[in-house]
């Protein structure tokens, strides 16, 4: 595994652990996760552009985590879930 990928996977895991209190993504629809991915992408853009304060590494890890959650759901056959989905606790 590339050094950069390993480092970034560690950053992703830190963000997941920081949000463990919200529950998992296994019962979330891919459409709800996709909506959150877009929101997180917007937050990353705001931090990168200087429009708001924040940590670009944390925001990038949040984006990557939502993309991972979608891939995980699709891999498990969840592509047919309704666009409504449940929200994370």
Protein backbone atom coordinates (compact mmCIF):
# COMPACT_ATOMS: atom_id res chain seq x y z
CA UNK A 1 0.00 0.00 0.00
CA UNK A 2 1.27 3.47 -0.82
CA UNK A 3 2.44 5.55 2.12
CA UNK A 4 -0.02 8.33 1.27
CA UNK A 5 -2.97 5.94 1.09
CA UNK A 6 -2.05 4.36 4.42
CA UNK A 7 -1.70 7.78 6.08
CA UNK A 8 -5.03 8.99 4.67
CA UNK A 9 -6.81 5.78 5.70
CA UNK A 10 -5.61 6.55 9.22
CA UNK A 11 -7.12 10.04 8.96
CA UNK A 12 -10.39 8.53 7.77
CA UNK A 13 -10.43 6.14 10.73
CA UNK A 14 -9.83 9.04 13.15
CA UNK A 15 -12.89 10.83 11.74
CA UNK A 16 -15.01 7.67 11.93
CA UNK A 17 -14.01 7.13 15.57
CA UNK A 18 -14.77 10.77 16.38
CA UNK A 19 -18.31 10.18 15.11
CA UNK A 20 -18.96 6.71 16.56
CA UNK A 21 -21.66 8.20 18.77
CA UNK A 22 -23.81 8.81 15.67
CA UNK A 23 -24.20 5.11 14.87
CA UNK A 24 -23.22 3.31 11.70
CA UNK A 25 -24.10 3.78 8.08
CA UNK A 26 -25.33 0.24 7.43
CA UNK A 27 -29.01 1.17 7.50
CA UNK A 28 -28.62 4.49 5.68
CA UNK A 29 -29.78 4.72 2.09
CA UNK A 30 -27.16 5.42 -0.54
CA UNK A 31 -29.13 8.56 -1.45
CA UNK A 32 -28.95 9.93 2.08
CA UNK A 33 -25.22 9.14 2.15
CA UNK A 34 -24.82 10.82 -1.24
CA UNK A 35 -26.56 13.96 0.06
CA UNK A 36 -24.14 14.02 2.99
CA UNK A 37 -21.20 13.48 0.61
CA UNK A 38 -22.24 16.60 -1.31
CA UNK A 39 -22.58 18.58 1.93
CA UNK A 40 -19.13 17.48 3.07
CA UNK A 41 -17.68 18.35 -0.35
CA UNK A 42 -19.11 21.84 0.07
CA UNK A 43 -17.53 22.15 3.50
CA UNK A 44 -14.17 21.10 2.08
CA UNK A 45 -14.48 23.70 -0.68
CA UNK A 46 -15.28 26.40 1.88
CA UNK A 47 -12.21 25.53 3.95
CA UNK A 48 -9.93 25.33 0.90
CA UNK A 49 -11.17 28.68 -0.41
CA UNK A 50 -10.80 30.38 2.96
CA UNK A 51 -14.53 31.07 3.20
CA UNK A 52 -14.56 29.40 6.60
CA UNK A 53 -12.07 28.16 9.13
CA UNK A 54 -11.42 24.47 9.40
CA UNK A 55 -9.01 21.65 8.84
CA UNK A 56 -8.80 20.60 5.19
CA UNK A 57 -7.45 17.15 6.07
CA UNK A 58 -10.42 16.45 8.35
CA UNK A 59 -12.86 17.72 5.74
CA UNK A 60 -11.21 15.62 3.01
CA UNK A 61 -11.42 12.56 5.28
CA UNK A 62 -15.13 13.24 5.85
CA UNK A 63 -15.66 13.36 2.06
CA UNK A 64 -13.74 10.12 1.62
CA UNK A 65 -15.65 8.43 4.43
CA UNK A 66 -19.02 9.17 2.86
CA UNK A 67 -17.74 7.88 -0.49
CA UNK A 68 -16.53 4.73 1.31
CA UNK A 69 -19.92 4.31 3.00
CA UNK A 70 -21.67 4.50 -0.38
CA UNK A 71 -19.26 1.96 -1.89
CA UNK A 72 -19.81 -0.33 1.10
CA UNK A 73 -23.59 -0.15 0.74
CA UNK A 74 -23.43 -0.78 -3.01
CA UNK A 75 -21.03 -3.69 -2.52
CA UNK A 76 -23.55 -5.21 -0.12
CA UNK A 77 -26.34 -4.85 -2.70
CA UNK A 78 -28.02 -1.72 -1.33
CA UNK A 79 -28.28 0.10 -4.67
CA UNK A 80 -32.06 -0.37 -4.69
CA UNK A 81 -32.71 1.54 -1.46
CA UNK A 82 -35.17 4.41 -1.64
CA UNK A 83 -33.93 8.01 -1.84
CA UNK A 84 -35.52 8.81 1.54
CA UNK A 85 -33.35 6.54 3.71
CA UNK A 86 -32.92 6.87 7.43
CA UNK A 87 -30.78 9.50 9.04
CA UNK A 88 -27.88 8.62 11.27
CA UNK A 89 -28.58 9.00 14.97
